[in-house]
Amino acid sequence: MFTVRQLSAFVAVAQSLNFLQASEQLHMTQPALSLAIKEMESRLGGPLLIRTTRNVSLTPEGEILLPLARQLLADWSNTEERLRQRFTLQRGAVAIAAMPAFASNQLPVLLKTFRDRFPAIHITVHDVINEQVIEMVRARRVELGIGFEPEKSEGLMFEPLGSDKFVAVLPPDSVLTKAQRITWPQLLQNDFITLQRPSAMRRLLEKKLEEHGLKPDVTAESHQLATIGRMVANGLGYSAVPALCIRQMEELGAVCRPLHEPVVEQLVGIITHSGENLSMTVQTLAGVIRECSSPWQ
């Protein structure tokens, strides 16, 4: 295997046919230059240059090697530049997975900050349910996910960004909108709209409520939070969503109020593969997410 130094030495001499000019061009001493070429010749098993006291010329083998060596050096230079641009975030791409509650509410603002700083980076967001976020990170389809804290298992790391409490989502004409906060028993006296299974959010909700002897009367379901918000806004029932979604629910025409007795909450954070060295791009994006994630309650 040739080194870049050896290839550069050979090309410089082969093009100038002068050891002094080549050594000055490469800022090498003539002995070091001669040694680099001798090492190449020794590895190949024959001479590349014919040296006399007056002239330097290429052997037939040297003639064959010269265009190949030029191409190798050009390829290396291009690769070096591309990697430099990636490390300095002048080019590249990043793909992340985020649960819908985060992807549609907090994430756009964070990505705008990242994009303002690094406009050449292409961004792909997989807006998927929490279970798929975890699976995509575990399968290394993405380097970074954002979701609820996963169950303890090998292969995943979790870095909390905050604790998300469920809030009540009410029709605008509901008498409960006059209350500053609502109890779960008050909310569950009404028709309840929630996410369809399988959903980590619904599973968490049902588990926490069951611990307190409560069970929602589910009269409508949807896979999309936006649909739930619109259904509540049109008086089809009541719901409860993570506080991450307050702005989205209110933009859809629903009203949100804090919920207590009991408080239902879950940690939300960055999920990565424990055995993975994150790329510079993802490390930088994770830093922006940590820096700019604002409290959502």
C-alpha atoms as a PDB file:
ATOM      1  CA  MET A   1       0.000   0.000   0.000  1.00  0.00           C
ATOM      2  CA  PHE A   2       1.422   3.371  -1.012  1.00  0.00           C
ATOM      3  CA  THR A   3       1.210   6.419   1.201  1.00  0.00           C
ATOM      4  CA  VAL A   4       0.001   9.806  -0.034  1.00  0.00           C
ATOM      5  CA  ARG A   5       3.527  11.079   0.657  1.00  0.00           C
ATOM      6  CA  GLN A   6       5.097   8.437  -1.589  1.00  0.00           C
ATOM      7  CA  LEU A   7       2.615   9.025  -4.430  1.00  0.00           C
ATOM      8  CA  SER A   8       3.138  12.781  -4.188  1.00  0.00           C
ATOM      9  CA  ALA A   9       6.905  12.296  -4.352  1.00  0.00           C
ATOM     10  CA  PHE A  10       6.682  10.083  -7.437  1.00  0.00           C
ATOM     11  CA  VAL A  11       4.269  12.403  -9.294  1.00  0.00           C
ATOM     12  CA  ALA A  12       6.357  15.490  -8.511  1.00  0.00           C
ATOM     13  CA  VAL A  13       9.539  13.888  -9.876  1.00  0.00           C
ATOM     14  CA  ALA A  14       7.773  12.254 -12.836  1.00  0.00           C
ATOM     15  CA  GLN A  15       6.271  15.572 -13.933  1.00  0.00           C
ATOM     16  CA  SER A  16       9.349  17.752 -13.454  1.00  0.00           C
ATOM     17  CA  LEU A  17      11.979  15.062 -14.185  1.00  0.00           C
ATOM     18  CA  ASN A  18      14.081  16.935 -11.669  1.00  0.00           C
ATOM     19  CA  PHE A  19      14.699  15.884  -8.069  1.00  0.00           C
ATOM     20  CA  LEU A  20      15.694  19.382  -6.944  1.00  0.00           C
ATOM     21  CA  GLN A  21      12.530  21.009  -8.326  1.00  0.00           C
ATOM     22  CA  ALA A  22      10.359  18.213  -6.912  1.00  0.00           C
ATOM     23  CA  SER A  23      11.911  18.479  -3.450  1.00  0.00           C
ATOM     24  CA  GLU A  24      11.362  22.256  -3.412  1.00  0.00           C
ATOM     25  CA  GLN A  25       7.771  21.825  -4.588  1.00  0.00           C
ATOM     26  CA  LEU A  26       7.011  19.338  -1.808  1.00  0.00           C
ATOM     27  CA  HIS A  27       9.183  21.033   0.832  1.00  0.00           C
ATOM     28  CA  MET A  28      11.140  17.798   1.273  1.00  0.00           C
ATOM     29  CA  THR A  29      14.856  17.194   1.335  1.00  0.00           C
ATOM     30  CA  GLN A  30      16.272  15.363  -1.685  1.00  0.00           C
ATOM     31  CA  PRO A  31      17.323  12.346   0.445  1.00  0.00           C
ATOM     32  CA  ALA A  32      13.763  12.073   1.838  1.00  0.00           C
ATOM     33  CA  LEU A  33      12.359  12.361  -1.676  1.00  0.00           C
ATOM     34  CA  SER A  34      14.678   9.670  -3.010  1.00  0.00           C
ATOM     35  CA  LEU A  35      13.815   7.396  -0.085  1.00  0.00           C
ATOM     36  CA  ALA A  36      10.068   7.739  -0.702  1.00  0.00           C
ATOM     37  CA  ILE A  37      10.481   6.674  -4.338  1.00  0.00           C
ATOM     38  CA  LYS A  38      12.868   3.833  -3.467  1.00  0.00           C
ATOM     39  CA  GLU A  39      10.274   2.520  -1.002  1.00  0.00           C
ATOM     40  CA  MET A  40       7.696   2.478  -3.802  1.00  0.00           C
ATOM     41  CA  GLU A  41      10.065   0.737  -6.186  1.00  0.00           C
ATOM     42  CA  SER A  42      10.976  -1.819  -3.544  1.00  0.00           C
ATOM     43  CA  ARG A  43       7.315  -2.569  -2.895  1.00  0.00           C
ATOM     44  CA  LEU A  44       6.555  -2.908  -6.610  1.00  0.00           C
ATOM     45  CA  GLY A  45       9.652  -4.961  -7.351  1.00  0.00           C
ATOM     46  CA  GLY A  46      11.264  -2.755  -9.996  1.00  0.00           C
ATOM     47  CA  PRO A  47      12.380   0.763 -10.979  1.00  0.00           C
ATOM     48  CA  LEU A  48       9.972   3.557 -11.860  1.00  0.00           C
ATOM     49  CA  LEU A  49      12.625   6.122 -12.779  1.00  0.00           C
ATOM     50  CA  ILE A  50      15.891   5.992 -14.671  1.00  0.00           C
ATOM     51  CA  ARG A  51      18.446   8.250 -13.010  1.00  0.00           C
ATOM     52  CA  THR A  52      21.709   9.434 -14.569  1.00  0.00           C
ATOM     53  CA  THR A  53      24.020  12.225 -13.487  1.00  0.00           C
ATOM     54  CA  ARG A  54      22.293  14.541 -15.946  1.00  0.00           C
ATOM     55  CA  ASN A  55      18.792  13.241 -16.602  1.00  0.00           C
ATOM     56  CA  VAL A  56      15.769  11.629 -15.000  1.00  0.00           C
ATOM     57  CA  SER A  57      13.284   9.672 -17.127  1.00  0.00           C
ATOM     58  CA  LEU A  58      10.410   7.272 -16.580  1.00  0.00           C
ATOM     59  CA  THR A  59      10.621   3.545 -17.112  1.00  0.00           C
ATOM     60  CA  PRO A  60       7.703   1.953 -19.030  1.00  0.00           C
ATOM     61  CA  GLU A  61       6.291   0.937 -15.652  1.00  0.00           C
ATOM     62  CA  GLY A  62       6.663   4.503 -14.428  1.00  0.00           C
ATOM     63  CA  GLU A  63       4.746   5.728 -17.491  1.00  0.00           C
ATOM     64  CA  ILE A  64       1.903   3.340 -16.618  1.00  0.00           C
ATOM     65  CA  LEU A  65       1.864   4.415 -12.979  1.00  0.00           C
ATOM     66  CA  LEU A  66       1.909   8.200 -13.534  1.00  0.00           C
ATOM     67  CA  PRO A  67      -1.738   8.733 -14.676  1.00  0.00           C
ATOM     68  CA  LEU A  68      -2.941   6.269 -12.054  1.00  0.00           C
ATOM     69  CA  ALA A  69      -0.993   8.051  -9.329  1.00  0.00           C
ATOM     70  CA  ARG A  70      -2.421  11.411 -10.428  1.00  0.00           C
ATOM     71  CA  GLN A  71      -5.956  10.014 -10.216  1.00  0.00           C
ATOM     72  CA  LEU A  72      -5.317   8.493  -6.785  1.00  0.00           C
ATOM     73  CA  LEU A  73      -4.039  11.809  -5.468  1.00  0.00           C
ATOM     74  CA  ALA A  74      -7.016  13.662  -6.971  1.00  0.00           C
ATOM     75  CA  ASP A  75      -9.434  11.149  -5.434  1.00  0.00           C
ATOM     76  CA  TRP A  76      -7.735  11.499  -2.054  1.00  0.00           C
ATOM     77  CA  SER A  77      -7.859  15.298  -2.263  1.00  0.00           C
ATOM     78  CA  ASN A  78     -11.588  15.183  -3.102  1.00  0.00           C
ATOM     79  CA  THR A  79     -12.270  12.742  -0.273  1.00  0.00           C
ATOM     80  CA  GLU A  80     -10.284  14.865   2.174  1.00  0.00           C
ATOM     81  CA  GLU A  81     -12.254  17.963   1.165  1.00  0.00           C
ATOM     82  CA  ARG A  82     -15.608  16.199   1.441  1.00  0.00           C
ATOM     83  CA  LEU A  83     -14.747  14.916   4.912  1.00  0.00           C
ATOM     84  CA  ARG A  84     -13.512  18.348   5.961  1.00  0.00           C
ATOM     85  CA  GLN A  85     -16.807  19.828   4.817  1.00  0.00           C
ATOM     86  CA  ARG A  86     -18.738  17.194   6.766  1.00  0.00           C
ATOM     87  CA  PHE A  87     -16.723  17.806   9.929  1.00  0.00           C
ATOM     88  CA  THR A  88     -17.262  21.548   9.574  1.00  0.00           C
ATOM     89  CA  LEU A  89     -20.924  20.962   8.587  1.00  0.00           C
ATOM     90  CA  GLN A  90     -20.552  22.642   5.197  1.00  0.00           C
ATOM     91  CA  ARG A  91     -22.266  19.652   3.598  1.00  0.00           C
ATOM     92  CA  GLY A  92     -23.986  16.435   4.628  1.00  0.00           C
ATOM     93  CA  ALA A  93     -27.333  15.040   5.695  1.00  0.00           C
ATOM     94  CA  VAL A  94     -29.054  14.113   8.918  1.00  0.00           C
ATOM     95  CA  ALA A  95     -32.070  11.880   9.550  1.00  0.00           C
ATOM     96  CA  ILE A  96     -33.925  11.702  12.843  1.00  0.00           C
ATOM     97  CA  ALA A  97     -37.079  10.019  14.117  1.00  0.00           C
ATOM     98  CA  ALA A  98     -39.484  11.818  16.449  1.00  0.00           C
ATOM     99  CA  MET A  99     -42.845  10.954  17.940  1.00  0.00           C
ATOM    100  CA  PRO A 100     -45.679  13.089  16.512  1.00  0.00           C
ATOM    101  CA  ALA A 101     -46.254  15.133  19.674  1.00  0.00           C
ATOM    102  CA  PHE A 102     -42.675  16.402  19.492  1.00  0.00           C
ATOM    103  CA  ALA A 103     -42.245  16.369  15.709  1.00  0.00           C
ATOM    104  CA  SER A 104     -45.203  18.652  15.021  1.00  0.00           C
ATOM    105  CA  ASN A 105     -44.784  21.020  17.966  1.00  0.00           C
ATOM    106  CA  GLN A 106     -41.254  21.470  19.320  1.00  0.00           C
ATOM    107  CA  LEU A 107     -39.102  20.082  16.516  1.00  0.00           C
ATOM    108  CA  PRO A 108     -39.759  22.648  13.723  1.00  0.00           C
ATOM    109  CA  VAL A 109     -38.420  25.499  15.862  1.00  0.00           C
ATOM    110  CA  LEU A 110     -35.322  23.475  16.792  1.00  0.00           C
ATOM    111  CA  LEU A 111     -34.652  22.528  13.173  1.00  0.00           C
ATOM    112  CA  LYS A 112     -35.025  26.167  12.105  1.00  0.00           C
ATOM    113  CA  THR A 113     -32.264  27.114  14.553  1.00  0.00           C
ATOM    114  CA  PHE A 114     -30.067  24.283  13.279  1.00  0.00           C
ATOM    115  CA  ARG A 115     -30.737  25.160   9.632  1.00  0.00           C
ATOM    116  CA  ASP A 116     -29.969  28.842  10.209  1.00  0.00           C
ATOM    117  CA  ARG A 117     -26.537  27.833  11.504  1.00  0.00           C
ATOM    118  CA  PHE A 118     -25.839  25.062   9.000  1.00  0.00           C
ATOM    119  CA  PRO A 119     -27.855  25.764   5.827  1.00  0.00           C
ATOM    120  CA  ALA A 120     -26.039  23.170   3.694  1.00  0.00           C
ATOM    121  CA  ILE A 121     -27.197  20.189   5.779  1.00  0.00           C
ATOM    122  CA  HIS A 122     -30.120  18.213   4.334  1.00  0.00           C
ATOM    123  CA  ILE A 123     -32.639  17.209   7.015  1.00  0.00           C
ATOM    124  CA  THR A 124     -35.005  14.227   6.990  1.00  0.00           C
ATOM    125  CA  VAL A 125     -37.592  13.797   9.765  1.00  0.00           C
ATOM    126  CA  HIS A 126     -39.390  10.498  10.311  1.00  0.00           C
ATOM    127  CA  ASP A 127     -42.617  11.497  12.065  1.00  0.00           C
ATOM    128  CA  VAL A 128     -43.563   8.115  13.559  1.00  0.00           C
ATOM    129  CA  ILE A 129     -45.172   6.703  16.696  1.00  0.00           C
ATOM    130  CA  ASN A 130     -42.959   6.256  19.736  1.00  0.00           C
ATOM    131  CA  GLU A 131     -42.493   2.513  19.212  1.00  0.00           C
ATOM    132  CA  GLN A 132     -41.167   3.108  15.714  1.00  0.00           C
ATOM    133  CA  VAL A 133     -38.794   5.806  16.957  1.00  0.00           C
ATOM    134  CA  ILE A 134     -37.241   3.283  19.320  1.00  0.00           C
ATOM    135  CA  GLU A 135     -37.101   0.571  16.654  1.00  0.00           C
ATOM    136  CA  MET A 136     -35.487   2.869  14.079  1.00  0.00           C
ATOM    137  CA  VAL A 137     -32.735   3.819  16.530  1.00  0.00           C
ATOM    138  CA  ARG A 138     -32.235   0.207  17.613  1.00  0.00           C
ATOM    139  CA  ALA A 139     -31.989  -0.931  13.971  1.00  0.00           C
ATOM    140  CA  ARG A 140     -29.600   1.976  13.214  1.00  0.00           C
ATOM    141  CA  ARG A 141     -31.917   3.377  10.549  1.00  0.00           C
ATOM    142  CA  VAL A 142     -31.438   6.737  12.267  1.00  0.00           C
ATOM    143  CA  GLU A 143     -28.741   7.868  14.685  1.00  0.00           C
ATOM    144  CA  LEU A 144     -31.063   9.937  16.860  1.00  0.00           C
ATOM    145  CA  GLY A 145     -34.659   9.676  17.997  1.00  0.00           C
ATOM    146  CA  ILE A 146     -36.876  11.793  20.242  1.00  0.00           C
ATOM    147  CA  GLY A 147     -39.587  10.145  22.261  1.00  0.00           C
ATOM    148  CA  PHE A 148     -40.787   8.922  25.625  1.00  0.00           C
ATOM    149  CA  GLU A 149     -38.282   7.189  27.856  1.00  0.00           C
ATOM    150  CA  PRO A 150     -38.033   3.581  26.624  1.00  0.00           C
ATOM    151  CA  GLU A 151     -38.171   0.603  28.907  1.00  0.00           C
ATOM    152  CA  LYS A 152     -34.781  -0.416  30.240  1.00  0.00           C
ATOM    153  CA  SER A 153     -33.100  -2.550  27.611  1.00  0.00           C
ATOM    154  CA  GLU A 154     -29.677  -3.138  26.183  1.00  0.00           C
ATOM    155  CA  GLY A 155     -28.529  -1.131  23.224  1.00  0.00           C
ATOM    156  CA  LEU A 156     -30.264   2.209  23.904  1.00  0.00           C
ATOM    157  CA  MET A 157     -29.278   5.400  25.688  1.00  0.00           C
ATOM    158  CA  PHE A 158     -31.810   7.984  26.882  1.00  0.00           C
ATOM    159  CA  GLU A 159     -31.090  11.640  27.690  1.00  0.00           C
ATOM    160  CA  PRO A 160     -34.079  13.451  29.246  1.00  0.00           C
ATOM    161  CA  LEU A 161     -35.112  16.824  27.845  1.00  0.00           C
ATOM    162  CA  GLY A 162     -38.066  17.313  30.151  1.00  0.00           C
ATOM    163  CA  SER A 163     -41.076  15.753  31.821  1.00  0.00           C
ATOM    164  CA  ASP A 164     -44.308  16.038  29.854  1.00  0.00           C
ATOM    165  CA  LYS A 165     -47.612  16.176  31.755  1.00  0.00           C
ATOM    166  CA  PHE A 166     -50.942  15.335  30.173  1.00  0.00           C
ATOM    167  CA  VAL A 167     -53.422  18.189  29.825  1.00  0.00           C
ATOM    168  CA  ALA A 168     -57.166  18.165  29.210  1.00  0.00           C
ATOM    169  CA  VAL A 169     -58.391  19.008  25.714  1.00  0.00           C
ATOM    170  CA  LEU A 170     -61.866  20.553  25.791  1.00  0.00           C
ATOM    171  CA  PRO A 171     -64.488  21.763  23.302  1.00  0.00           C
ATOM    172  CA  PRO A 172     -64.540  25.589  23.332  1.00  0.00           C
ATOM    173  CA  ASP A 173     -68.129  25.656  24.655  1.00  0.00           C
ATOM    174  CA  SER A 174     -67.472  23.271  27.570  1.00  0.00           C
ATOM    175  CA  VAL A 175     -68.218  24.526  31.087  1.00  0.00           C
ATOM    176  CA  LEU A 176     -64.876  23.036  32.128  1.00  0.00           C
ATOM    177  CA  THR A 177     -63.028  25.737  30.199  1.00  0.00           C
ATOM    178  CA  LYS A 178     -63.841  28.114  33.089  1.00  0.00           C
ATOM    179  CA  ALA A 179     -61.746  25.999  35.481  1.00  0.00           C
ATOM    180  CA  GLN A 180     -58.045  26.744  35.935  1.00  0.00           C
ATOM    181  CA  ARG A 181     -57.335  23.039  36.233  1.00  0.00           C
ATOM    182  CA  ILE A 182     -59.387  19.875  36.005  1.00  0.00           C
ATOM    183  CA  THR A 183     -59.365  16.508  37.751  1.00  0.00           C
ATOM    184  CA  TRP A 184     -59.320  13.281  35.791  1.00  0.00           C
ATOM    185  CA  PRO A 185     -62.691  12.170  37.252  1.00  0.00           C
ATOM    186  CA  GLN A 186     -64.228  15.418  35.963  1.00  0.00           C
ATOM    187  CA  LEU A 187     -62.762  14.881  32.503  1.00  0.00           C
ATOM    188  CA  LEU A 188     -63.725  11.211  32.256  1.00  0.00           C
ATOM    189  CA  GLN A 189     -67.398  11.943  32.883  1.00  0.00           C
ATOM    190  CA  ASN A 190     -67.470  12.904  29.192  1.00  0.00           C
ATOM    191  CA  ASP A 191     -67.037  10.997  25.932  1.00  0.00           C
ATOM    192  CA  PHE A 192     -63.309  10.428  25.496  1.00  0.00           C
ATOM    193  CA  ILE A 193     -61.270  10.622  22.267  1.00  0.00           C
ATOM    194  CA  THR A 194     -57.759   9.163  22.149  1.00  0.00           C
ATOM    195  CA  LEU A 195     -55.051   7.688  19.941  1.00  0.00           C
ATOM    196  CA  GLN A 196     -55.512   4.235  18.484  1.00  0.00           C
ATOM    197  CA  ARG A 197     -53.406   1.277  19.578  1.00  0.00           C
ATOM    198  CA  PRO A 198     -50.520   0.621  19.353  1.00  0.00           C
ATOM    199  CA  SER A 199     -49.561   3.950  20.851  1.00  0.00           C
ATOM    200  CA  ALA A 200     -47.101   4.496  23.689  1.00  0.00           C
ATOM    201  CA  MET A 201     -49.086   7.562  24.694  1.00  0.00           C
ATOM    202  CA  ARG A 202     -52.350   5.623  24.992  1.00  0.00           C
ATOM    203  CA  ARG A 203     -50.668   2.723  26.762  1.00  0.00           C
ATOM    204  CA  LEU A 204     -49.094   5.084  29.288  1.00  0.00           C
ATOM    205  CA  LEU A 205     -52.388   6.858  29.820  1.00  0.00           C
ATOM    206  CA  GLU A 206     -54.388   3.691  30.411  1.00  0.00           C
ATOM    207  CA  LYS A 207     -51.724   2.252  32.712  1.00  0.00           C
ATOM    208  CA  LYS A 208     -51.504   5.367  34.916  1.00  0.00           C
ATOM    209  CA  LEU A 209     -55.268   5.776  35.134  1.00  0.00           C
ATOM    210  CA  GLU A 210     -55.791   2.108  35.972  1.00  0.00           C
ATOM    211  CA  GLU A 211     -53.403   2.511  38.907  1.00  0.00           C
ATOM    212  CA  HIS A 212     -55.886   5.045  40.301  1.00  0.00           C
ATOM    213  CA  GLY A 213     -58.999   3.040  39.488  1.00  0.00           C
ATOM    214  CA  LEU A 214     -59.926   5.178  36.501  1.00  0.00           C
ATOM    215  CA  LYS A 215     -60.883   4.062  32.999  1.00  0.00           C
ATOM    216  CA  PRO A 216     -61.775   6.340  30.074  1.00  0.00           C
ATOM    217  CA  ASP A 217     -64.961   5.678  28.097  1.00  0.00           C
ATOM    218  CA  VAL A 218     -63.389   5.770  24.636  1.00  0.00           C
ATOM    219  CA  THR A 219     -65.988   6.748  22.054  1.00  0.00           C
ATOM    220  CA  ALA A 220     -63.652   7.754  19.198  1.00  0.00           C
ATOM    221  CA  GLU A 221     -60.070   7.026  18.153  1.00  0.00           C
ATOM    222  CA  SER A 222     -57.575   8.298  15.601  1.00  0.00           C
ATOM    223  CA  HIS A 223     -53.955   7.715  14.604  1.00  0.00           C
ATOM    224  CA  GLN A 224     -53.363  11.468  14.256  1.00  0.00           C
ATOM    225  CA  LEU A 225     -53.225  14.056  17.029  1.00  0.00           C
ATOM    226  CA  ALA A 226     -54.435  16.713  14.597  1.00  0.00           C
ATOM    227  CA  THR A 227     -57.596  14.695  13.965  1.00  0.00           C
ATOM    228  CA  ILE A 228     -58.192  14.346  17.703  1.00  0.00           C
ATOM    229  CA  GLY A 229     -57.810  18.081  18.201  1.00  0.00           C
ATOM    230  CA  ARG A 230     -60.244  18.854  15.398  1.00  0.00           C
ATOM    231  CA  MET A 231     -62.772  16.289  16.705  1.00  0.00           C
ATOM    232  CA  VAL A 232     -62.678  17.841  20.181  1.00  0.00           C
ATOM    233  CA  ALA A 233     -62.936  21.362  18.767  1.00  0.00           C
ATOM    234  CA  ASN A 234     -66.117  20.291  16.944  1.00  0.00           C
ATOM    235  CA  GLY A 235     -67.717  18.933  20.112  1.00  0.00           C
ATOM    236  CA  LEU A 236     -67.352  15.179  19.489  1.00  0.00           C
ATOM    237  CA  GLY A 237     -65.816  14.600  22.904  1.00  0.00           C
ATOM    238  CA  TYR A 238     -62.937  15.381  25.243  1.00  0.00           C
ATOM    239  CA  SER A 239     -59.335  14.211  25.235  1.00  0.00           C
ATOM    240  CA  ALA A 240     -55.990  14.376  27.028  1.00  0.00           C
ATOM    241  CA  VAL A 241     -52.642  14.880  25.320  1.00  0.00           C
ATOM    242  CA  PRO A 242     -49.061  15.692  26.343  1.00  0.00           C
ATOM    243  CA  ALA A 243     -48.476  19.361  27.101  1.00  0.00           C
ATOM    244  CA  LEU A 244     -46.146  19.371  24.086  1.00  0.00           C
ATOM    245  CA  CYS A 245     -49.319  19.532  22.005  1.00  0.00           C
ATOM    246  CA  ILE A 246     -51.010  22.520  23.648  1.00  0.00           C
ATOM    247  CA  ARG A 247     -50.239  24.966  20.842  1.00  0.00           C
ATOM    248  CA  GLN A 248     -51.330  22.459  18.194  1.00  0.00           C
ATOM    249  CA  MET A 249     -54.616  21.740  19.991  1.00  0.00           C
ATOM    250  CA  GLU A 250     -55.386  25.421  20.453  1.00  0.00           C
ATOM    251  CA  GLU A 251     -54.614  26.179  16.799  1.00  0.00           C
ATOM    252  CA  LEU A 252     -57.159  23.498  15.886  1.00  0.00           C
ATOM    253  CA  GLY A 253     -59.809  25.259  17.975  1.00  0.00           C
ATOM    254  CA  ALA A 254     -59.745  23.212  21.200  1.00  0.00           C
ATOM    255  CA  VAL A 255     -59.053  24.547  24.710  1.00  0.00           C
ATOM    256  CA  CYS A 256     -56.389  23.051  27.010  1.00  0.00           C
ATOM    257  CA  ARG A 257     -56.328  23.004  30.797  1.00  0.00           C
ATOM    258  CA  PRO A 258     -53.933  21.394  33.341  1.00  0.00           C
ATOM    259  CA  LEU A 259     -54.939  17.999  34.696  1.00  0.00           C
ATOM    260  CA  HIS A 260     -54.407  16.659  38.222  1.00  0.00           C
ATOM    261  CA  GLU A 261     -55.608  13.966  40.612  1.00  0.00           C
ATOM    262  CA  PRO A 262     -53.636  12.120  39.365  1.00  0.00           C
ATOM    263  CA  VAL A 263     -50.831  13.884  37.513  1.00  0.00           C
ATOM    264  CA  VAL A 264     -49.906  11.736  34.511  1.00  0.00           C
ATOM    265  CA  GLU A 265     -46.479  12.478  33.111  1.00  0.00           C
ATOM    266  CA  GLN A 266     -43.588  10.864  31.265  1.00  0.00           C
ATOM    267  CA  LEU A 267     -40.013  11.827  30.467  1.00  0.00           C
ATOM    268  CA  VAL A 268     -39.290  12.912  26.889  1.00  0.00           C
ATOM    269  CA  GLY A 269     -35.760  12.906  25.567  1.00  0.00           C
ATOM    270  CA  ILE A 270     -33.079  12.000  23.062  1.00  0.00           C
ATOM    271  CA  ILE A 271     -32.721   8.301  22.226  1.00  0.00           C
ATOM    272  CA  THR A 272     -29.493   6.981  20.699  1.00  0.00           C
ATOM    273  CA  HIS A 273     -27.841   3.604  20.218  1.00  0.00           C
ATOM    274  CA  SER A 274     -25.480   2.894  23.094  1.00  0.00           C
ATOM    275  CA  GLY A 275     -22.913   1.250  20.830  1.00  0.00           C
ATOM    276  CA  GLU A 276     -22.895   4.054  18.258  1.00  0.00           C
ATOM    277  CA  ASN A 277     -20.394   6.857  17.781  1.00  0.00           C
ATOM    278  CA  LEU A 278     -22.578   9.686  16.533  1.00  0.00           C
ATOM    279  CA  SER A 279     -21.553  11.554  13.405  1.00  0.00           C
ATOM    280  CA  MET A 280     -20.442  15.163  13.802  1.00  0.00           C
ATOM    281  CA  THR A 281     -23.687  16.327  12.175  1.00  0.00           C
ATOM    282  CA  VAL A 282     -25.872  14.419  14.635  1.00  0.00           C
ATOM    283  CA  GLN A 283     -23.745  15.474  17.602  1.00  0.00           C
ATOM    284  CA  THR A 284     -24.228  19.096  16.573  1.00  0.00           C
ATOM    285  CA  LEU A 285     -27.984  18.663  16.053  1.00  0.00           C
ATOM    286  CA  ALA A 286     -28.283  17.020  19.474  1.00  0.00           C
ATOM    287  CA  GLY A 287     -26.482  20.021  20.947  1.00  0.00           C
ATOM    288  CA  VAL A 288     -28.976  22.409  19.336  1.00  0.00           C
ATOM    289  CA  ILE A 289     -31.878  20.323  20.667  1.00  0.00           C
ATOM    290  CA  ARG A 290     -30.441  20.449  24.200  1.00  0.00           C
ATOM    291  CA  GLU A 291     -29.740  24.163  23.932  1.00  0.00           C
ATOM    292  CA  CYS A 292     -33.072  25.242  22.498  1.00  0.00           C
ATOM    293  CA  SER A 293     -35.619  22.802  23.927  1.00  0.00           C
ATOM    294  CA  SER A 294     -37.877  25.074  25.927  1.00  0.00           C
ATOM    295  CA  PRO A 295     -40.130  23.928  28.761  1.00  0.00           C
ATOM    296  CA  TRP A 296     -43.545  23.005  27.399  1.00  0.00           C
ATOM    297  CA  GLN A 297     -45.415  23.521  30.630  1.00  0.00           C
END
